[in-house]
């Protein structure tokens, strides 16, 4: 959560969700790696997509660097939400 507080919250202060998970993938050497994973869910208006895209890519690079990751996945999908 320190990473989220430092790297994510300043750009997405209106709210976010972090979910715990277990993940696996094949690394660059062909070995299956398994470790704890996290899913970060960010909801923002479609009108903010351009600015959000840049911010999300900065967060991904920061996570790769901070936690020595080969890659950090990203999925984009339009959804309808109401609070």
PDB file of N, CA and C in Angstrom:
ATOM      1  N   UNK A   1       0.824  -1.204   0.000  1.00  0.00           N
ATOM      2  CA  UNK A   1       0.000   0.000   0.000  1.00  0.00           C
ATOM      3  C   UNK A   1       0.862   1.259   0.000  1.00  0.00           C
ATOM      4  N   UNK A   2       2.100   1.147   0.453  1.00  0.00           N
ATOM      5  CA  UNK A   2       2.981   2.319   0.403  1.00  0.00           C
ATOM      6  C   UNK A   2       3.207   2.738  -1.050  1.00  0.00           C
ATOM      7  N   UNK A   3       3.359   1.760  -1.946  1.00  0.00           N
ATOM      8  CA  UNK A   3       3.508   2.069  -3.368  1.00  0.00           C
ATOM      9  C   UNK A   3       2.259   2.773  -3.883  1.00  0.00           C
ATOM     10  N   UNK A   4       1.093   2.263  -3.547  1.00  0.00           N
ATOM     11  CA  UNK A   4      -0.173   2.877  -3.978  1.00  0.00           C
ATOM     12  C   UNK A   4      -0.265   4.303  -3.446  1.00  0.00           C
ATOM     13  N   UNK A   5       0.042   4.480  -2.185  1.00  0.00           N
ATOM     14  CA  UNK A   5      -0.021   5.826  -1.590  1.00  0.00           C
ATOM     15  C   UNK A   5       0.910   6.804  -2.296  1.00  0.00           C
ATOM     16  N   UNK A   6       2.095   6.328  -2.651  1.00  0.00           N
ATOM     17  CA  UNK A   6       3.115   7.192  -3.246  1.00  0.00           C
ATOM     18  C   UNK A   6       2.929   7.389  -4.753  1.00  0.00           C
ATOM     19  N   UNK A   7       2.603   6.322  -5.486  1.00  0.00           N
ATOM     20  CA  UNK A   7       2.615   6.363  -6.945  1.00  0.00           C
ATOM     21  C   UNK A   7       1.242   6.479  -7.607  1.00  0.00           C
ATOM     22  N   UNK A   8       0.191   5.985  -6.941  1.00  0.00           N
ATOM     23  CA  UNK A   8      -1.125   5.927  -7.589  1.00  0.00           C
ATOM     24  C   UNK A   8      -2.066   7.018  -7.078  1.00  0.00           C
ATOM     25  N   UNK A   9      -2.200   7.117  -5.782  1.00  0.00           N
ATOM     26  CA  UNK A   9      -3.163   8.042  -5.189  1.00  0.00           C
ATOM     27  C   UNK A   9      -3.005   9.488  -5.653  1.00  0.00           C
ATOM     28  N   UNK A  10      -1.783  10.006  -5.807  1.00  0.00           N
ATOM     29  CA  UNK A  10      -1.677  11.394  -6.271  1.00  0.00           C
ATOM     30  C   UNK A  10      -2.326  11.636  -7.642  1.00  0.00           C
ATOM     31  N   UNK A  11      -2.290  10.640  -8.535  1.00  0.00           N
ATOM     32  CA  UNK A  11      -2.877  10.791  -9.862  1.00  0.00           C
ATOM     33  C   UNK A  11      -4.336  10.359  -9.939  1.00  0.00           C
ATOM     34  N   UNK A  12      -4.771   9.534  -8.993  1.00  0.00           N
ATOM     35  CA  UNK A  12      -6.154   9.044  -8.973  1.00  0.00           C
ATOM     36  C   UNK A  12      -6.735   9.193  -7.564  1.00  0.00           C
ATOM     37  N   UNK A  13      -6.859  10.434  -7.089  1.00  0.00           N
ATOM     38  CA  UNK A  13      -7.291  10.666  -5.713  1.00  0.00           C
ATOM     39  C   UNK A  13      -8.769  10.390  -5.458  1.00  0.00           C
ATOM     40  N   UNK A  14      -9.570  10.233  -6.515  1.00  0.00           N
ATOM     41  CA  UNK A  14     -11.008  10.030  -6.311  1.00  0.00           C
ATOM     42  C   UNK A  14     -11.353   8.622  -5.857  1.00  0.00           C
ATOM     43  N   UNK A  15     -10.410   7.699  -5.957  1.00  0.00           N
ATOM     44  CA  UNK A  15     -10.657   6.351  -5.463  1.00  0.00           C
ATOM     45  C   UNK A  15     -10.099   5.286  -6.379  1.00  0.00           C
ATOM     46  N   UNK A  16      -9.888   4.122  -5.804  1.00  0.00           N
ATOM     47  CA  UNK A  16      -9.346   2.978  -6.516  1.00  0.00           C
ATOM     48  C   UNK A  16      -9.596   1.733  -5.689  1.00  0.00           C
ATOM     49  N   UNK A  17      -9.348   0.580  -6.280  1.00  0.00           N
ATOM     50  CA  UNK A  17      -9.487  -0.686  -5.573  1.00  0.00           C
ATOM     51  C   UNK A  17      -8.240  -1.517  -5.833  1.00  0.00           C
ATOM     52  N   UNK A  18      -7.716  -2.152  -4.785  1.00  0.00           N
ATOM     53  CA  UNK A  18      -6.609  -3.098  -4.919  1.00  0.00           C
ATOM     54  C   UNK A  18      -7.120  -4.441  -4.429  1.00  0.00           C
ATOM     55  N   UNK A  19      -6.981  -5.468  -5.296  1.00  0.00           N
ATOM     56  CA  UNK A  19      -7.392  -6.826  -4.930  1.00  0.00           C
ATOM     57  C   UNK A  19      -6.165  -7.725  -4.889  1.00  0.00           C
ATOM     58  N   UNK A  20      -6.117  -8.609  -3.894  1.00  0.00           N
ATOM     59  CA  UNK A  20      -5.043  -9.591  -3.786  1.00  0.00           C
ATOM     60  C   UNK A  20      -5.341 -10.788  -4.670  1.00  0.00           C
ATOM     61  N   UNK A  21      -4.292 -11.400  -5.172  1.00  0.00           N
ATOM     62  CA  UNK A  21      -4.463 -12.594  -5.986  1.00  0.00           C
ATOM     63  C   UNK A  21      -3.225 -13.461  -5.953  1.00  0.00           C
ATOM     64  N   UNK A  22      -3.272 -14.529  -6.706  1.00  0.00           N
ATOM     65  CA  UNK A  22      -2.118 -15.408  -6.923  1.00  0.00           C
ATOM     66  C   UNK A  22      -1.937 -15.488  -8.423  1.00  0.00           C
ATOM     67  N   UNK A  23      -0.731 -15.293  -8.909  1.00  0.00           N
ATOM     68  CA  UNK A  23      -0.511 -15.288 -10.338  1.00  0.00           C
ATOM     69  C   UNK A  23       0.606 -16.223 -10.747  1.00  0.00           C
ATOM     70  N   UNK A  24       0.596 -16.569 -12.040  1.00  0.00           N
ATOM     71  CA  UNK A  24       1.713 -17.312 -12.594  1.00  0.00           C
ATOM     72  C   UNK A  24       1.895 -16.897 -14.046  1.00  0.00           C
ATOM     73  N   UNK A  25       3.086 -17.020 -14.526  1.00  0.00           N
ATOM     74  CA  UNK A  25       3.411 -16.674 -15.906  1.00  0.00           C
ATOM     75  C   UNK A  25       4.705 -17.366 -16.280  1.00  0.00           C
ATOM     76  N   UNK A  26       4.995 -17.407 -17.568  1.00  0.00           N
ATOM     77  CA  UNK A  26       6.254 -17.955 -18.052  1.00  0.00           C
ATOM     78  C   UNK A  26       7.221 -16.785 -18.224  1.00  0.00           C
ATOM     79  N   UNK A  27       8.363 -16.851 -17.556  1.00  0.00           N
ATOM     80  CA  UNK A  27       9.308 -15.742 -17.633  1.00  0.00           C
ATOM     81  C   UNK A  27      10.091 -15.780 -18.947  1.00  0.00           C
ATOM     82  N   UNK A  28      10.980 -14.825 -19.120  1.00  0.00           N
ATOM     83  CA  UNK A  28      11.735 -14.689 -20.359  1.00  0.00           C
ATOM     84  C   UNK A  28      12.631 -15.896 -20.646  1.00  0.00           C
ATOM     85  N   UNK A  29      12.907 -16.697 -19.626  1.00  0.00           N
ATOM     86  CA  UNK A  29      13.749 -17.891 -19.794  1.00  0.00           C
ATOM     87  C   UNK A  29      12.922 -19.171 -19.912  1.00  0.00           C
ATOM     88  N   UNK A  30      11.599 -19.042 -19.950  1.00  0.00           N
ATOM     89  CA  UNK A  30      10.724 -20.198 -20.113  1.00  0.00           C
ATOM     90  C   UNK A  30      10.306 -20.869 -18.819  1.00  0.00           C
ATOM     91  N   UNK A  31      10.734 -20.352 -17.690  1.00  0.00           N
ATOM     92  CA  UNK A  31      10.393 -20.930 -16.385  1.00  0.00           C
ATOM     93  C   UNK A  31       9.032 -20.410 -15.925  1.00  0.00           C
ATOM     94  N   UNK A  32       8.218 -21.302 -15.366  1.00  0.00           N
ATOM     95  CA  UNK A  32       6.935 -20.894 -14.780  1.00  0.00           C
ATOM     96  C   UNK A  32       7.209 -20.292 -13.407  1.00  0.00           C
ATOM     97  N   UNK A  33       6.798 -19.062 -13.241  1.00  0.00           N
ATOM     98  CA  UNK A  33       6.959 -18.352 -11.976  1.00  0.00           C
ATOM     99  C   UNK A  33       5.587 -18.181 -11.338  1.00  0.00           C
ATOM    100  N   UNK A  34       5.537 -18.329 -10.025  1.00  0.00           N
ATOM    101  CA  UNK A  34       4.294 -18.132  -9.278  1.00  0.00           C
ATOM    102  C   UNK A  34       4.583 -17.194  -8.118  1.00  0.00           C
ATOM    103  N   UNK A  35       3.682 -16.248  -7.908  1.00  0.00           N
ATOM    104  CA  UNK A  35       3.836 -15.347  -6.773  1.00  0.00           C
ATOM    105  C   UNK A  35       2.524 -14.646  -6.469  1.00  0.00           C
ATOM    106  N   UNK A  36       2.512 -14.004  -5.327  1.00  0.00           N
ATOM    107  CA  UNK A  36       1.360 -13.191  -4.954  1.00  0.00           C
ATOM    108  C   UNK A  36       1.239 -12.071  -5.984  1.00  0.00           C
ATOM    109  N   UNK A  37       0.018 -11.697  -6.297  1.00  0.00           N
ATOM    110  CA  UNK A  37      -0.187 -10.630  -7.270  1.00  0.00           C
ATOM    111  C   UNK A  37      -1.244  -9.665  -6.747  1.00  0.00           C
ATOM    112  N   UNK A  38      -1.329  -8.538  -7.422  1.00  0.00           N
ATOM    113  CA  UNK A  38      -2.293  -7.512  -7.063  1.00  0.00           C
ATOM    114  C   UNK A  38      -2.972  -7.021  -8.323  1.00  0.00           C
ATOM    115  N   UNK A  39      -4.237  -6.711  -8.186  1.00  0.00           N
ATOM    116  CA  UNK A  39      -4.997  -6.126  -9.279  1.00  0.00           C
ATOM    117  C   UNK A  39      -5.431  -4.738  -8.830  1.00  0.00           C
ATOM    118  N   UNK A  40      -5.038  -3.747  -9.600  1.00  0.00           N
ATOM    119  CA  UNK A  40      -5.398  -2.364  -9.317  1.00  0.00           C
ATOM    120  C   UNK A  40      -6.508  -1.974 -10.275  1.00  0.00           C
ATOM    121  N   UNK A  41      -7.643  -1.553  -9.730  1.00  0.00           N
ATOM    122  CA  UNK A  41      -8.788  -1.154 -10.545  1.00  0.00           C
ATOM    123  C   UNK A  41      -8.958   0.355 -10.429  1.00  0.00           C
ATOM    124  N   UNK A  42      -8.900   1.011 -11.585  1.00  0.00           N
ATOM    125  CA  UNK A  42      -9.067   2.457 -11.655  1.00  0.00           C
ATOM    126  C   UNK A  42     -10.263   2.752 -12.543  1.00  0.00           C
ATOM    127  N   UNK A  43     -11.211   3.495 -12.029  1.00  0.00           N
ATOM    128  CA  UNK A  43     -12.356   3.934 -12.821  1.00  0.00           C
ATOM    129  C   UNK A  43     -12.244   5.436 -13.018  1.00  0.00           C
ATOM    130  N   UNK A  44     -12.441   5.872 -14.261  1.00  0.00           N
ATOM    131  CA  UNK A  44     -12.372   7.286 -14.568  1.00  0.00           C
ATOM    132  C   UNK A  44     -13.241   7.552 -15.789  1.00  0.00           C
ATOM    133  N   UNK A  45     -13.697   8.774 -15.967  1.00  0.00           N
ATOM    134  CA  UNK A  45     -14.561   9.095 -17.110  1.00  0.00           C
ATOM    135  C   UNK A  45     -13.809   8.933 -18.429  1.00  0.00           C
ATOM    136  N   UNK A  46     -14.525   8.546 -19.457  1.00  0.00           N
ATOM    137  CA  UNK A  46     -13.916   8.374 -20.772  1.00  0.00           C
ATOM    138  C   UNK A  46     -13.250   9.660 -21.240  1.00  0.00           C
ATOM    139  N   UNK A  47     -13.758  10.795 -20.807  1.00  0.00           N
ATOM    140  CA  UNK A  47     -13.165  12.081 -21.187  1.00  0.00           C
ATOM    141  C   UNK A  47     -11.769  12.257 -20.584  1.00  0.00           C
ATOM    142  N   UNK A  48     -11.434  11.478 -19.577  1.00  0.00           N
ATOM    143  CA  UNK A  48     -10.118  11.558 -18.943  1.00  0.00           C
ATOM    144  C   UNK A  48      -9.180  10.460 -19.432  1.00  0.00           C
ATOM    145  N   UNK A  49      -9.588   9.692 -20.439  1.00  0.00           N
ATOM    146  CA  UNK A  49      -8.811   8.534 -20.885  1.00  0.00           C
ATOM    147  C   UNK A  49      -7.414   8.913 -21.366  1.00  0.00           C
ATOM    148  N   UNK A  50      -7.291   9.971 -22.116  1.00  0.00           N
ATOM    149  CA  UNK A  50      -5.977  10.359 -22.630  1.00  0.00           C
ATOM    150  C   UNK A  50      -4.981  10.651 -21.523  1.00  0.00           C
ATOM    151  N   UNK A  51      -5.358  11.480 -20.589  1.00  0.00           N
ATOM    152  CA  UNK A  51      -4.479  11.821 -19.470  1.00  0.00           C
ATOM    153  C   UNK A  51      -4.255  10.622 -18.560  1.00  0.00           C
ATOM    154  N   UNK A  52      -5.281   9.807 -18.363  1.00  0.00           N
ATOM    155  CA  UNK A  52      -5.166   8.633 -17.500  1.00  0.00           C
ATOM    156  C   UNK A  52      -4.220   7.612 -18.105  1.00  0.00           C
ATOM    157  N   UNK A  53      -4.239   7.451 -19.421  1.00  0.00           N
ATOM    158  CA  UNK A  53      -3.358   6.494 -20.092  1.00  0.00           C
ATOM    159  C   UNK A  53      -1.898   6.788 -19.760  1.00  0.00           C
ATOM    160  N   UNK A  54      -1.492   8.020 -19.881  1.00  0.00           N
ATOM    161  CA  UNK A  54      -0.114   8.405 -19.567  1.00  0.00           C
ATOM    162  C   UNK A  54       0.224   8.108 -18.109  1.00  0.00           C
ATOM    163  N   UNK A  55      -0.692   8.459 -17.220  1.00  0.00           N
ATOM    164  CA  UNK A  55      -0.467   8.233 -15.790  1.00  0.00           C
ATOM    165  C   UNK A  55      -0.349   6.742 -15.476  1.00  0.00           C
ATOM    166  N   UNK A  56      -1.207   5.929 -16.089  1.00  0.00           N
ATOM    167  CA  UNK A  56      -1.175   4.484 -15.843  1.00  0.00           C
ATOM    168  C   UNK A  56       0.140   3.890 -16.333  1.00  0.00           C
ATOM    169  N   UNK A  57       0.603   4.323 -17.488  1.00  0.00           N
ATOM    170  CA  UNK A  57       1.886   3.817 -17.993  1.00  0.00           C
ATOM    171  C   UNK A  57       3.033   4.207 -17.071  1.00  0.00           C
ATOM    172  N   UNK A  58       2.993   5.384 -16.494  1.00  0.00           N
ATOM    173  CA  UNK A  58       4.018   5.790 -15.529  1.00  0.00           C
ATOM    174  C   UNK A  58       3.969   4.911 -14.286  1.00  0.00           C
ATOM    175  N   UNK A  59       2.767   4.573 -13.831  1.00  0.00           N
ATOM    176  CA  UNK A  59       2.609   3.702 -12.664  1.00  0.00           C
ATOM    177  C   UNK A  59       3.156   2.316 -12.967  1.00  0.00           C
ATOM    178  N   UNK A  60       2.847   1.791 -14.150  1.00  0.00           N
ATOM    179  CA  UNK A  60       3.345   0.456 -14.535  1.00  0.00           C
ATOM    180  C   UNK A  60       4.868   0.421 -14.523  1.00  0.00           C
ATOM    181  N   UNK A  61       5.508   1.424 -15.123  1.00  0.00           N
ATOM    182  CA  UNK A  61       6.976   1.460 -15.163  1.00  0.00           C
ATOM    183  C   UNK A  61       7.554   1.575 -13.752  1.00  0.00           C
ATOM    184  N   UNK A  62       6.932   2.381 -12.917  1.00  0.00           N
ATOM    185  CA  UNK A  62       7.410   2.535 -11.537  1.00  0.00           C
ATOM    186  C   UNK A  62       7.301   1.212 -10.781  1.00  0.00           C
ATOM    187  N   UNK A  63       6.216   0.450 -11.014  1.00  0.00           N
ATOM    188  CA  UNK A  63       6.047  -0.838 -10.331  1.00  0.00           C
ATOM    189  C   UNK A  63       7.091  -1.834 -10.817  1.00  0.00           C
ATOM    190  N   UNK A  64       7.317  -1.874 -12.128  1.00  0.00           N
ATOM    191  CA  UNK A  64       8.346  -2.774 -12.670  1.00  0.00           C
ATOM    192  C   UNK A  64       9.698  -2.490 -12.017  1.00  0.00           C
ATOM    193  N   UNK A  65      10.038  -1.224 -11.918  1.00  0.00           N
ATOM    194  CA  UNK A  65      11.321  -0.833 -11.336  1.00  0.00           C
ATOM    195  C   UNK A  65      11.388  -1.122  -9.838  1.00  0.00           C
ATOM    196  N   UNK A  66      10.347  -0.735  -9.107  1.00  0.00           N
ATOM    197  CA  UNK A  66      10.349  -0.890  -7.642  1.00  0.00           C
ATOM    198  C   UNK A  66      10.380  -2.349  -7.206  1.00  0.00           C
ATOM    199  N   UNK A  67       9.746  -3.231  -7.992  1.00  0.00           N
ATOM    200  CA  UNK A  67       9.620  -4.629  -7.578  1.00  0.00           C
ATOM    201  C   UNK A  67      10.302  -5.602  -8.536  1.00  0.00           C
ATOM    202  N   UNK A  68      11.216  -5.101  -9.374  1.00  0.00           N
ATOM    203  CA  UNK A  68      12.017  -5.914 -10.291  1.00  0.00           C
ATOM    204  C   UNK A  68      11.154  -6.889 -11.098  1.00  0.00           C
ATOM    205  N   UNK A  69      10.122  -6.359 -11.735  1.00  0.00           N
ATOM    206  CA  UNK A  69       9.209  -7.172 -12.536  1.00  0.00           C
ATOM    207  C   UNK A  69       9.607  -7.120 -14.014  1.00  0.00           C
ATOM    208  N   UNK A  70       9.501  -8.259 -14.712  1.00  0.00           N
ATOM    209  CA  UNK A  70       9.733  -8.277 -16.157  1.00  0.00           C
ATOM    210  C   UNK A  70       8.634  -7.515 -16.879  1.00  0.00           C
ATOM    211  N   UNK A  71       7.419  -7.622 -16.366  1.00  0.00           N
ATOM    212  CA  UNK A  71       6.278  -6.981 -17.004  1.00  0.00           C
ATOM    213  C   UNK A  71       5.179  -6.755 -15.978  1.00  0.00           C
ATOM    214  N   UNK A  72       4.354  -5.774 -16.244  1.00  0.00           N
ATOM    215  CA  UNK A  72       3.165  -5.510 -15.441  1.00  0.00           C
ATOM    216  C   UNK A  72       2.004  -5.437 -16.421  1.00  0.00           C
ATOM    217  N   UNK A  73       1.047  -6.346 -16.262  1.00  0.00           N
ATOM    218  CA  UNK A  73      -0.076  -6.428 -17.194  1.00  0.00           C
ATOM    219  C   UNK A  73      -1.026  -5.251 -17.075  1.00  0.00           C
ATOM    220  N   UNK A  74      -1.756  -5.065 -18.154  1.00  0.00           N
ATOM    221  CA  UNK A  74      -2.775  -4.010 -18.177  1.00  0.00           C
ATOM    222  C   UNK A  74      -3.936  -4.476 -19.038  1.00  0.00           C
ATOM    223  N   UNK A  75      -5.143  -4.263 -18.543  1.00  0.00           N
ATOM    224  CA  UNK A  75      -6.363  -4.544 -19.294  1.00  0.00           C
ATOM    225  C   UNK A  75      -7.216  -3.289 -19.237  1.00  0.00           C
ATOM    226  N   UNK A  76      -7.684  -2.852 -20.399  1.00  0.00           N
ATOM    227  CA  UNK A  76      -8.571  -1.699 -20.475  1.00  0.00           C
ATOM    228  C   UNK A  76      -9.933  -2.164 -20.964  1.00  0.00           C
ATOM    229  N   UNK A  77     -10.971  -1.672 -20.316  1.00  0.00           N
ATOM    230  CA  UNK A  77     -12.327  -2.037 -20.715  1.00  0.00           C
ATOM    231  C   UNK A  77     -13.259  -0.891 -20.329  1.00  0.00           C
ATOM    232  N   UNK A  78     -14.204  -0.639 -21.180  1.00  0.00           N
ATOM    233  CA  UNK A  78     -15.224   0.343 -20.829  1.00  0.00           C
ATOM    234  C   UNK A  78     -16.258  -0.335 -19.962  1.00  0.00           C
ATOM    235  N   UNK A  79     -16.729   0.391 -18.986  1.00  0.00           N
ATOM    236  CA  UNK A  79     -17.755  -0.143 -18.102  1.00  0.00           C
ATOM    237  C   UNK A  79     -18.662   1.004 -17.669  1.00  0.00           C
ATOM    238  N   UNK A  80     -19.790   0.642 -17.142  1.00  0.00           N
ATOM    239  CA  UNK A  80     -20.708   1.641 -16.615  1.00  0.00           C
ATOM    240  C   UNK A  80     -20.775   1.412 -15.108  1.00  0.00           C
ATOM    241  N   UNK A  81     -20.554   2.457 -14.360  1.00  0.00           N
ATOM    242  CA  UNK A  81     -20.569   2.354 -12.908  1.00  0.00           C
ATOM    243  C   UNK A  81     -21.383   3.510 -12.335  1.00  0.00           C
ATOM    244  N   UNK A  82     -21.979   3.283 -11.187  1.00  0.00           N
ATOM    245  CA  UNK A  82     -22.745   4.327 -10.508  1.00  0.00           C
ATOM    246  C   UNK A  82     -22.496   4.189  -9.023  1.00  0.00           C
ATOM    247  N   UNK A  83     -22.325   5.292  -8.351  1.00  0.00           N
ATOM    248  CA  UNK A  83     -22.080   5.273  -6.897  1.00  0.00           C
ATOM    249  C   UNK A  83     -23.091   6.158  -6.213  1.00  0.00           C
TER     250      UNK A  83
END
